[in-house]
N, C-alpha and C. Protein backbone atom coordinates (compact mmCIF):
# COMPACT_ATOMS: atom_id res chain seq x y z
N MET A 1 -8.11 7.57 8.58
CA MET A 1 -8.10 7.66 7.12
C MET A 1 -8.10 9.14 6.76
N ARG A 2 -7.33 9.47 5.76
CA ARG A 2 -7.20 10.86 5.32
C ARG A 2 -7.44 10.96 3.83
N ARG A 3 -8.27 11.92 3.42
CA ARG A 3 -8.50 12.18 2.01
C ARG A 3 -7.44 13.16 1.52
N LEU A 4 -6.95 12.91 0.29
CA LEU A 4 -5.94 13.79 -0.30
C LEU A 4 -6.37 14.21 -1.69
N ASP A 5 -6.12 15.47 -2.01
CA ASP A 5 -6.30 15.90 -3.39
C ASP A 5 -4.98 15.66 -4.12
N ALA A 6 -4.92 16.04 -5.38
CA ALA A 6 -3.73 15.76 -6.19
C ALA A 6 -2.48 16.42 -5.62
N ALA A 7 -2.59 17.65 -5.17
CA ALA A 7 -1.42 18.36 -4.63
C ALA A 7 -0.91 17.67 -3.36
N GLU A 8 -1.81 17.27 -2.49
CA GLU A 8 -1.41 16.59 -1.26
C GLU A 8 -0.81 15.22 -1.57
N ALA A 9 -1.40 14.53 -2.54
CA ALA A 9 -0.87 13.21 -2.93
C ALA A 9 0.54 13.36 -3.51
N ARG A 10 0.73 14.37 -4.37
CA ARG A 10 2.06 14.60 -4.96
C ARG A 10 3.09 14.83 -3.86
N ALA A 11 2.73 15.63 -2.88
CA ALA A 11 3.65 15.94 -1.78
C ALA A 11 3.96 14.69 -0.95
N GLY A 12 3.03 13.74 -0.89
CA GLY A 12 3.22 12.55 -0.06
C GLY A 12 3.67 11.31 -0.80
N LEU A 13 3.99 11.43 -2.10
CA LEU A 13 4.36 10.23 -2.87
C LEU A 13 5.52 9.46 -2.26
N GLY A 14 6.47 10.15 -1.70
CA GLY A 14 7.60 9.47 -1.08
C GLY A 14 7.15 8.53 0.04
N ASP A 15 6.09 8.93 0.73
CA ASP A 15 5.56 8.10 1.82
C ASP A 15 4.86 6.85 1.28
N TRP A 16 4.44 6.88 0.02
CA TRP A 16 3.73 5.74 -0.57
C TRP A 16 4.69 4.69 -1.13
N LEU A 17 5.96 5.05 -1.34
CA LEU A 17 6.90 4.12 -1.98
C LEU A 17 7.07 2.83 -1.20
N GLY A 18 7.09 2.90 0.11
CA GLY A 18 7.27 1.69 0.92
C GLY A 18 6.14 0.70 0.73
N VAL A 19 4.90 1.17 0.85
CA VAL A 19 3.76 0.26 0.68
C VAL A 19 3.68 -0.21 -0.77
N HIS A 20 4.03 0.65 -1.71
CA HIS A 20 4.03 0.24 -3.12
C HIS A 20 5.01 -0.91 -3.35
N SER A 21 6.23 -0.79 -2.83
CA SER A 21 7.22 -1.85 -3.05
C SER A 21 6.82 -3.14 -2.34
N ARG A 22 6.23 -3.05 -1.14
CA ARG A 22 5.81 -4.26 -0.43
C ARG A 22 4.63 -4.94 -1.11
N CYS A 23 3.84 -4.17 -1.84
CA CYS A 23 2.70 -4.76 -2.56
C CYS A 23 3.07 -5.31 -3.93
N PHE A 24 3.94 -4.62 -4.66
CA PHE A 24 4.14 -4.95 -6.06
C PHE A 24 5.49 -5.57 -6.42
N CYS A 25 6.46 -5.59 -5.53
CA CYS A 25 7.72 -6.28 -5.84
C CYS A 25 7.63 -7.80 -5.68
N PRO A 26 6.89 -8.31 -4.66
CA PRO A 26 6.77 -9.77 -4.54
C PRO A 26 5.84 -10.36 -5.60
N PRO A 27 5.86 -11.70 -5.74
CA PRO A 27 4.91 -12.35 -6.66
C PRO A 27 3.48 -12.06 -6.23
N PRO A 28 2.52 -12.04 -7.12
CA PRO A 28 2.66 -12.35 -8.53
C PRO A 28 3.07 -11.17 -9.40
N TRP A 29 3.17 -9.96 -8.81
CA TRP A 29 3.51 -8.79 -9.63
C TRP A 29 4.96 -8.81 -10.07
N ASN A 30 5.86 -9.10 -9.14
CA ASN A 30 7.28 -9.20 -9.45
C ASN A 30 7.85 -7.95 -10.12
N GLU A 31 7.35 -6.79 -9.73
CA GLU A 31 7.92 -5.56 -10.30
C GLU A 31 9.33 -5.41 -9.76
N PRO A 32 10.27 -5.19 -10.64
CA PRO A 32 11.64 -5.02 -10.16
C PRO A 32 11.78 -3.74 -9.36
N THR A 33 12.73 -3.75 -8.44
CA THR A 33 12.97 -2.57 -7.63
C THR A 33 13.23 -1.36 -8.51
N ARG A 34 13.84 -1.56 -9.68
CA ARG A 34 14.12 -0.43 -10.55
C ARG A 34 12.85 0.26 -11.00
N SER A 35 11.72 -0.46 -10.99
CA SER A 35 10.47 0.18 -11.41
C SER A 35 10.03 1.24 -10.40
N LEU A 36 10.53 1.12 -9.18
CA LEU A 36 10.19 2.11 -8.17
C LEU A 36 10.78 3.47 -8.50
N THR A 37 11.90 3.47 -9.22
CA THR A 37 12.52 4.75 -9.57
C THR A 37 11.63 5.54 -10.53
N GLY A 38 10.80 4.87 -11.30
CA GLY A 38 9.89 5.54 -12.21
C GLY A 38 8.50 5.75 -11.64
N TYR A 39 8.32 5.39 -10.37
CA TYR A 39 6.99 5.47 -9.76
C TYR A 39 6.43 6.89 -9.79
N ARG A 40 7.23 7.85 -9.38
CA ARG A 40 6.76 9.25 -9.37
C ARG A 40 6.35 9.70 -10.76
N GLU A 41 7.11 9.31 -11.76
CA GLU A 41 6.80 9.69 -13.14
C GLU A 41 5.48 9.07 -13.59
N ARG A 42 5.29 7.78 -13.32
CA ARG A 42 4.04 7.11 -13.72
C ARG A 42 2.83 7.71 -13.02
N VAL A 43 2.99 7.99 -11.74
CA VAL A 43 1.88 8.54 -10.97
C VAL A 43 1.62 10.00 -11.36
N GLY A 44 2.60 10.66 -11.92
CA GLY A 44 2.41 12.06 -12.33
C GLY A 44 1.23 12.24 -13.26
N TRP A 45 1.07 11.34 -14.23
CA TRP A 45 -0.09 11.43 -15.14
C TRP A 45 -1.39 11.23 -14.37
N HIS A 46 -1.37 10.33 -13.42
CA HIS A 46 -2.57 10.07 -12.60
C HIS A 46 -3.00 11.33 -11.86
N LEU A 47 -2.03 12.02 -11.29
CA LEU A 47 -2.34 13.20 -10.49
C LEU A 47 -2.94 14.34 -11.31
N GLU A 48 -2.75 14.30 -12.61
CA GLU A 48 -3.26 15.34 -13.49
C GLU A 48 -4.71 15.09 -13.94
N GLN A 49 -5.27 13.95 -13.60
CA GLN A 49 -6.61 13.62 -14.07
C GLN A 49 -7.68 14.41 -13.32
N PRO A 50 -8.64 14.97 -14.05
CA PRO A 50 -9.71 15.74 -13.40
C PRO A 50 -10.47 14.86 -12.40
N GLY A 51 -10.69 15.42 -11.23
CA GLY A 51 -11.44 14.70 -10.20
C GLY A 51 -10.61 13.73 -9.39
N PHE A 52 -9.27 13.72 -9.58
CA PHE A 52 -8.40 12.83 -8.82
C PHE A 52 -8.70 12.98 -7.33
N ARG A 53 -8.78 11.83 -6.66
CA ARG A 53 -8.85 11.84 -5.20
C ARG A 53 -8.20 10.58 -4.67
N ALA A 54 -7.67 10.70 -3.47
CA ALA A 54 -6.97 9.58 -2.84
C ALA A 54 -7.33 9.53 -1.36
N PHE A 55 -7.16 8.35 -0.81
CA PHE A 55 -7.30 8.16 0.63
C PHE A 55 -6.11 7.34 1.09
N GLU A 56 -5.58 7.70 2.24
CA GLU A 56 -4.49 6.92 2.81
C GLU A 56 -4.78 6.63 4.27
N ILE A 57 -4.24 5.50 4.71
CA ILE A 57 -4.35 5.11 6.11
C ILE A 57 -2.93 4.93 6.61
N ARG A 58 -2.65 5.51 7.76
CA ARG A 58 -1.33 5.41 8.36
C ARG A 58 -1.41 4.57 9.64
N GLY A 59 -0.33 3.87 9.91
CA GLY A 59 -0.25 3.09 11.12
C GLY A 59 0.06 3.96 12.32
N ALA A 60 0.11 3.35 13.50
CA ALA A 60 0.39 4.07 14.73
C ALA A 60 1.74 4.77 14.68
N ASP A 61 2.68 4.21 13.92
CA ASP A 61 4.01 4.82 13.81
C ASP A 61 4.08 5.92 12.75
N GLY A 62 2.95 6.17 12.07
CA GLY A 62 2.91 7.24 11.07
C GLY A 62 3.22 6.81 9.65
N THR A 63 3.62 5.55 9.46
CA THR A 63 3.92 5.10 8.10
C THR A 63 2.62 4.74 7.37
N VAL A 64 2.65 4.93 6.07
CA VAL A 64 1.48 4.62 5.25
C VAL A 64 1.33 3.11 5.19
N THR A 65 0.13 2.62 5.53
CA THR A 65 -0.14 1.19 5.47
C THR A 65 -1.10 0.83 4.34
N ALA A 66 -1.86 1.84 3.86
CA ALA A 66 -2.81 1.56 2.77
C ALA A 66 -3.13 2.85 2.02
N VAL A 67 -3.30 2.71 0.71
CA VAL A 67 -3.60 3.84 -0.17
C VAL A 67 -4.56 3.37 -1.24
N ALA A 68 -5.49 4.22 -1.60
CA ALA A 68 -6.34 3.98 -2.78
C ALA A 68 -6.57 5.32 -3.44
N TYR A 69 -6.56 5.30 -4.79
CA TYR A 69 -6.88 6.54 -5.49
C TYR A 69 -7.50 6.25 -6.84
N GLY A 70 -8.11 7.28 -7.40
CA GLY A 70 -8.73 7.16 -8.71
C GLY A 70 -9.36 8.47 -9.11
N TRP A 71 -10.21 8.40 -10.15
CA TRP A 71 -10.87 9.58 -10.68
C TRP A 71 -12.05 9.16 -11.54
N PRO A 72 -12.96 10.10 -11.81
CA PRO A 72 -14.04 9.78 -12.75
C PRO A 72 -13.45 9.55 -14.14
N SER A 73 -13.92 8.52 -14.82
CA SER A 73 -13.39 8.22 -16.16
C SER A 73 -13.63 9.38 -17.11
N ALA A 74 -12.70 9.55 -18.03
CA ALA A 74 -12.83 10.59 -19.06
C ALA A 74 -14.01 10.27 -19.97
N GLU A 75 -14.49 11.27 -20.68
CA GLU A 75 -15.62 11.05 -21.60
C GLU A 75 -15.27 10.08 -22.71
N THR A 76 -14.03 10.12 -23.16
CA THR A 76 -13.58 9.18 -24.19
C THR A 76 -12.43 8.36 -23.63
N LEU A 77 -12.28 7.18 -24.16
CA LEU A 77 -11.24 6.27 -23.71
C LEU A 77 -9.87 6.85 -24.05
N PRO A 78 -9.01 7.07 -23.05
CA PRO A 78 -7.67 7.59 -23.33
C PRO A 78 -6.85 6.60 -24.17
N ASP A 79 -5.97 7.13 -24.96
CA ASP A 79 -5.10 6.30 -25.81
C ASP A 79 -3.84 5.95 -25.03
N ARG A 80 -3.99 5.01 -24.11
CA ARG A 80 -2.88 4.53 -23.28
C ARG A 80 -2.98 3.00 -23.23
N PRO A 81 -1.86 2.33 -23.03
CA PRO A 81 -1.87 0.86 -23.08
C PRO A 81 -2.92 0.18 -22.20
N VAL A 82 -3.09 0.61 -20.96
CA VAL A 82 -4.04 -0.07 -20.08
C VAL A 82 -5.46 0.07 -20.62
N TYR A 83 -5.79 1.21 -21.22
CA TYR A 83 -7.15 1.39 -21.76
C TYR A 83 -7.36 0.54 -23.01
N ARG A 84 -6.30 0.33 -23.77
CA ARG A 84 -6.42 -0.57 -24.94
C ARG A 84 -6.68 -1.99 -24.45
N THR A 85 -6.03 -2.39 -23.36
CA THR A 85 -6.27 -3.71 -22.78
C THR A 85 -7.71 -3.82 -22.30
N VAL A 86 -8.21 -2.77 -21.66
CA VAL A 86 -9.60 -2.78 -21.18
C VAL A 86 -10.56 -2.91 -22.36
N ALA A 87 -10.32 -2.15 -23.42
CA ALA A 87 -11.19 -2.22 -24.60
C ALA A 87 -11.19 -3.62 -25.19
N ASP A 88 -10.02 -4.23 -25.29
CA ASP A 88 -9.93 -5.59 -25.84
C ASP A 88 -10.60 -6.59 -24.90
N ALA A 89 -10.45 -6.40 -23.60
CA ALA A 89 -11.04 -7.33 -22.62
C ALA A 89 -12.56 -7.28 -22.63
N LEU A 90 -13.11 -6.09 -22.81
CA LEU A 90 -14.56 -5.94 -22.70
C LEU A 90 -15.30 -6.12 -24.02
N GLY A 91 -14.67 -5.79 -25.12
CA GLY A 91 -15.37 -5.82 -26.39
C GLY A 91 -16.24 -4.57 -26.51
N PRO A 92 -16.73 -4.30 -27.72
CA PRO A 92 -17.45 -3.04 -27.96
C PRO A 92 -18.71 -2.84 -27.12
N GLU A 93 -19.53 -3.88 -26.96
CA GLU A 93 -20.81 -3.71 -26.26
C GLU A 93 -20.61 -3.38 -24.78
N ARG A 94 -19.77 -4.17 -24.11
CA ARG A 94 -19.54 -3.93 -22.69
C ARG A 94 -18.76 -2.63 -22.47
N LEU A 95 -17.84 -2.30 -23.35
CA LEU A 95 -17.11 -1.05 -23.22
C LEU A 95 -18.06 0.14 -23.37
N ARG A 96 -18.96 0.06 -24.33
CA ARG A 96 -19.95 1.13 -24.53
C ARG A 96 -20.82 1.28 -23.28
N TRP A 97 -21.25 0.14 -22.71
CA TRP A 97 -22.04 0.20 -21.49
C TRP A 97 -21.25 0.86 -20.35
N LEU A 98 -20.01 0.38 -20.15
CA LEU A 98 -19.21 0.90 -19.04
C LEU A 98 -18.97 2.39 -19.19
N TRP A 99 -18.52 2.81 -20.36
CA TRP A 99 -18.21 4.24 -20.55
C TRP A 99 -19.49 5.08 -20.53
N GLY A 100 -20.59 4.51 -20.98
CA GLY A 100 -21.86 5.22 -20.92
C GLY A 100 -22.34 5.46 -19.51
N ALA A 101 -21.89 4.64 -18.57
CA ALA A 101 -22.26 4.79 -17.16
C ALA A 101 -21.46 5.90 -16.47
N ARG A 102 -20.50 6.48 -17.19
CA ARG A 102 -19.61 7.51 -16.61
C ARG A 102 -19.03 7.02 -15.28
N PRO A 103 -18.28 5.93 -15.34
CA PRO A 103 -17.82 5.28 -14.12
C PRO A 103 -16.67 6.00 -13.43
N PHE A 104 -16.40 5.53 -12.23
CA PHE A 104 -15.25 5.97 -11.46
C PHE A 104 -14.17 4.91 -11.61
N GLU A 105 -12.94 5.34 -11.91
CA GLU A 105 -11.81 4.42 -12.04
C GLU A 105 -11.06 4.30 -10.73
N VAL A 106 -10.94 3.10 -10.23
CA VAL A 106 -10.06 2.83 -9.10
C VAL A 106 -8.73 2.46 -9.73
N VAL A 107 -7.78 3.34 -9.62
CA VAL A 107 -6.51 3.17 -10.33
C VAL A 107 -5.49 2.42 -9.49
N GLU A 108 -5.50 2.64 -8.20
CA GLU A 108 -4.52 1.98 -7.34
C GLU A 108 -5.15 1.69 -5.99
N LEU A 109 -4.92 0.49 -5.51
CA LEU A 109 -5.27 0.10 -4.15
C LEU A 109 -4.08 -0.70 -3.62
N MET A 110 -3.49 -0.20 -2.56
CA MET A 110 -2.33 -0.86 -1.97
C MET A 110 -2.56 -1.00 -0.47
N VAL A 111 -2.48 -2.22 0.02
CA VAL A 111 -2.55 -2.46 1.46
C VAL A 111 -1.31 -3.27 1.84
N ASP A 112 -0.52 -2.73 2.75
CA ASP A 112 0.69 -3.40 3.19
C ASP A 112 0.36 -4.84 3.58
N PRO A 113 1.14 -5.80 3.11
CA PRO A 113 0.85 -7.20 3.45
C PRO A 113 0.71 -7.45 4.96
N ASP A 114 1.46 -6.73 5.79
CA ASP A 114 1.36 -6.91 7.24
C ASP A 114 0.07 -6.33 7.82
N ALA A 115 -0.65 -5.53 7.03
CA ALA A 115 -1.88 -4.90 7.53
C ALA A 115 -3.13 -5.52 6.89
N ARG A 116 -2.96 -6.55 6.10
CA ARG A 116 -4.11 -7.16 5.42
C ARG A 116 -4.97 -7.94 6.41
N GLY A 117 -6.24 -8.12 6.04
CA GLY A 117 -7.17 -8.86 6.89
C GLY A 117 -7.83 -8.00 7.95
N ARG A 118 -7.63 -6.69 7.91
CA ARG A 118 -8.22 -5.79 8.90
C ARG A 118 -9.34 -4.92 8.32
N GLY A 119 -9.71 -5.17 7.06
CA GLY A 119 -10.79 -4.40 6.46
C GLY A 119 -10.36 -3.07 5.87
N LEU A 120 -9.06 -2.84 5.73
CA LEU A 120 -8.59 -1.56 5.21
C LEU A 120 -8.99 -1.35 3.75
N ALA A 121 -8.89 -2.39 2.93
CA ALA A 121 -9.29 -2.26 1.52
C ALA A 121 -10.77 -1.92 1.42
N ARG A 122 -11.58 -2.58 2.21
CA ARG A 122 -13.02 -2.31 2.21
C ARG A 122 -13.28 -0.86 2.60
N GLN A 123 -12.62 -0.39 3.64
CA GLN A 123 -12.80 1.00 4.09
C GLN A 123 -12.38 1.99 3.00
N LEU A 124 -11.24 1.75 2.40
CA LEU A 124 -10.75 2.65 1.36
C LEU A 124 -11.71 2.69 0.17
N LEU A 125 -12.14 1.52 -0.28
CA LEU A 125 -13.06 1.47 -1.44
C LEU A 125 -14.40 2.12 -1.11
N ALA A 126 -14.88 1.95 0.12
CA ALA A 126 -16.15 2.56 0.51
C ALA A 126 -16.07 4.09 0.45
N GLU A 127 -14.92 4.63 0.80
CA GLU A 127 -14.74 6.09 0.74
C GLU A 127 -14.48 6.56 -0.69
N LEU A 128 -13.71 5.80 -1.44
CA LEU A 128 -13.26 6.23 -2.76
C LEU A 128 -14.35 6.13 -3.82
N CYS A 129 -15.09 5.04 -3.83
CA CYS A 129 -16.07 4.77 -4.89
C CYS A 129 -17.40 5.43 -4.60
N PRO A 130 -17.98 6.10 -5.59
CA PRO A 130 -19.31 6.69 -5.39
C PRO A 130 -20.33 5.60 -5.04
N ALA A 131 -21.15 5.85 -4.03
CA ALA A 131 -22.13 4.86 -3.59
C ALA A 131 -23.25 4.65 -4.61
N ASP A 132 -23.50 5.65 -5.44
CA ASP A 132 -24.63 5.57 -6.37
C ASP A 132 -24.22 5.42 -7.83
N GLY A 133 -22.99 4.98 -8.08
CA GLY A 133 -22.54 4.86 -9.47
C GLY A 133 -21.71 3.62 -9.69
N VAL A 134 -21.29 3.47 -10.91
CA VAL A 134 -20.48 2.34 -11.33
C VAL A 134 -19.00 2.68 -11.11
N SER A 135 -18.24 1.72 -10.61
CA SER A 135 -16.79 1.86 -10.48
C SER A 135 -16.14 0.68 -11.17
N TRP A 136 -14.92 0.89 -11.65
CA TRP A 136 -14.20 -0.19 -12.31
C TRP A 136 -12.72 -0.11 -11.97
N LEU A 137 -12.04 -1.22 -12.19
CA LEU A 137 -10.60 -1.30 -11.97
C LEU A 137 -10.04 -2.45 -12.78
N VAL A 138 -8.73 -2.47 -12.88
CA VAL A 138 -8.01 -3.53 -13.57
C VAL A 138 -6.98 -4.10 -12.61
N THR A 139 -6.92 -5.43 -12.53
CA THR A 139 -5.91 -6.09 -11.71
C THR A 139 -5.65 -7.48 -12.26
N ARG A 140 -4.67 -8.12 -11.71
CA ARG A 140 -4.44 -9.53 -12.04
C ARG A 140 -5.42 -10.35 -11.22
N GLY A 141 -6.00 -11.35 -11.85
CA GLY A 141 -6.97 -12.20 -11.16
C GLY A 141 -6.37 -13.10 -10.11
N ASP A 142 -5.03 -13.26 -10.11
CA ASP A 142 -4.37 -14.16 -9.17
C ASP A 142 -3.75 -13.42 -7.98
N THR A 143 -4.24 -12.22 -7.70
CA THR A 143 -3.71 -11.43 -6.59
C THR A 143 -4.63 -11.48 -5.38
N PRO A 144 -4.09 -11.20 -4.20
CA PRO A 144 -4.96 -11.10 -3.03
C PRO A 144 -6.04 -10.03 -3.22
N ALA A 145 -5.71 -8.96 -3.92
CA ALA A 145 -6.70 -7.89 -4.14
C ALA A 145 -7.91 -8.40 -4.91
N ALA A 146 -7.68 -9.24 -5.92
CA ALA A 146 -8.81 -9.75 -6.72
C ALA A 146 -9.78 -10.53 -5.84
N ALA A 147 -9.24 -11.30 -4.90
CA ALA A 147 -10.11 -12.04 -3.98
C ALA A 147 -10.92 -11.08 -3.11
N VAL A 148 -10.31 -10.00 -2.69
CA VAL A 148 -11.02 -8.99 -1.89
C VAL A 148 -12.14 -8.37 -2.72
N TYR A 149 -11.84 -7.99 -3.96
CA TYR A 149 -12.87 -7.38 -4.81
C TYR A 149 -14.06 -8.32 -4.97
N ARG A 150 -13.78 -9.59 -5.21
CA ARG A 150 -14.88 -10.56 -5.36
C ARG A 150 -15.72 -10.64 -4.09
N ARG A 151 -15.06 -10.70 -2.93
CA ARG A 151 -15.80 -10.76 -1.65
C ARG A 151 -16.65 -9.52 -1.43
N LEU A 152 -16.21 -8.38 -1.97
CA LEU A 152 -16.93 -7.12 -1.77
C LEU A 152 -17.99 -6.87 -2.84
N GLY A 153 -18.22 -7.86 -3.71
CA GLY A 153 -19.29 -7.73 -4.69
C GLY A 153 -18.89 -7.24 -6.06
N TRP A 154 -17.61 -7.05 -6.30
CA TRP A 154 -17.14 -6.67 -7.63
C TRP A 154 -17.25 -7.90 -8.53
N GLN A 155 -17.55 -7.68 -9.80
CA GLN A 155 -17.66 -8.79 -10.75
C GLN A 155 -16.64 -8.62 -11.87
N GLN A 156 -16.05 -9.72 -12.26
CA GLN A 156 -15.12 -9.69 -13.38
C GLN A 156 -15.93 -9.54 -14.66
N LEU A 157 -15.63 -8.51 -15.42
CA LEU A 157 -16.38 -8.21 -16.63
C LEU A 157 -15.63 -8.65 -17.89
N GLY A 158 -14.32 -8.81 -17.78
CA GLY A 158 -13.53 -9.23 -18.94
C GLY A 158 -12.10 -9.47 -18.53
N SER A 159 -11.32 -10.03 -19.47
CA SER A 159 -9.93 -10.35 -19.23
C SER A 159 -9.17 -10.27 -20.54
N ASP A 160 -7.93 -9.81 -20.48
CA ASP A 160 -7.10 -9.75 -21.68
C ASP A 160 -5.64 -9.70 -21.25
N THR A 161 -4.76 -9.91 -22.21
CA THR A 161 -3.32 -9.88 -21.97
C THR A 161 -2.76 -8.55 -22.48
N THR A 162 -1.92 -7.93 -21.66
CA THR A 162 -1.34 -6.64 -22.02
C THR A 162 -0.28 -6.81 -23.11
N GLU A 163 0.21 -5.67 -23.59
CA GLU A 163 1.27 -5.67 -24.60
C GLU A 163 2.55 -6.31 -24.06
N THR A 164 2.70 -6.36 -22.73
CA THR A 164 3.89 -6.96 -22.12
C THR A 164 3.65 -8.40 -21.66
N GLY A 165 2.48 -8.96 -22.00
CA GLY A 165 2.20 -10.36 -21.70
C GLY A 165 1.59 -10.64 -20.35
N VAL A 166 1.14 -9.64 -19.64
CA VAL A 166 0.52 -9.82 -18.32
C VAL A 166 -0.99 -9.95 -18.50
N GLN A 167 -1.58 -10.98 -17.90
CA GLN A 167 -3.04 -11.16 -17.95
C GLN A 167 -3.68 -10.23 -16.93
N LEU A 168 -4.59 -9.38 -17.40
CA LEU A 168 -5.31 -8.46 -16.52
C LEU A 168 -6.81 -8.69 -16.63
N ASP A 169 -7.49 -8.54 -15.50
CA ASP A 169 -8.94 -8.69 -15.45
C ASP A 169 -9.57 -7.35 -15.13
N VAL A 170 -10.70 -7.08 -15.77
CA VAL A 170 -11.47 -5.86 -15.51
C VAL A 170 -12.59 -6.23 -14.55
N PHE A 171 -12.62 -5.53 -13.41
CA PHE A 171 -13.65 -5.74 -12.40
C PHE A 171 -14.55 -4.52 -12.35
N VAL A 172 -15.84 -4.75 -12.10
CA VAL A 172 -16.83 -3.69 -12.04
C VAL A 172 -17.68 -3.86 -10.80
N LEU A 173 -17.94 -2.75 -10.14
CA LEU A 173 -18.87 -2.73 -9.02
C LEU A 173 -20.18 -2.13 -9.53
N ASP A 174 -21.28 -2.84 -9.33
CA ASP A 174 -22.60 -2.47 -9.85
C ASP A 174 -22.63 -2.60 -11.37
N PRO A 175 -22.40 -3.80 -11.86
CA PRO A 175 -22.25 -3.97 -13.31
C PRO A 175 -23.52 -3.83 -14.14
N GLY A 176 -24.70 -3.94 -13.58
CA GLY A 176 -25.93 -3.73 -14.36
C GLY A 176 -26.13 -4.71 -15.50
N PRO A 177 -26.81 -4.30 -16.56
CA PRO A 177 -27.27 -5.17 -17.63
C PRO A 177 -26.23 -6.07 -18.32
N PRO A 178 -24.98 -5.65 -18.55
CA PRO A 178 -24.11 -6.54 -19.30
C PRO A 178 -23.88 -7.91 -18.69
N LEU A 179 -23.97 -8.03 -17.38
CA LEU A 179 -23.75 -9.34 -16.76
C LEU A 179 -25.05 -10.08 -16.48
N SER A 180 -26.21 -9.45 -16.68
CA SER A 180 -27.47 -10.11 -16.36
C SER A 180 -27.78 -11.22 -17.33
């Protein structure tokens, strides 16, 4: 496993395209191959976030088999579509709790389908997420990743439909009072 800062991640984005397409082109994501052409652009905003960090795992042949990255959440909720979905999914009380905890955002977790079942997601999340704080992420509840999060102790805190009609669930590790 290798830790990468934003500059190293930017330099290695081409290496991530293969695992990204194998994770997100098949169902239930069904991202069209054309979405891969905009991958570098979408990830560009991610790389600019303060505190960005990533971890990647490569196979014996040197290809990337798993990647996870994220950053500490901003002090205020960014005005971007995914954050509006999170706000709608959580409602004011839970959103206030989550943002008050100064959580860590897990923005992307990709494990090549051929490498699943080996504990790579668990290893990546253990390195990426602060052991003494709250972490959160958004995913579809019908994905293999959602099942992994549940097994690892993440709890679904809310659910909402995006502007494009995709149902997304907000998961939290160490959710504290809102779920008690």
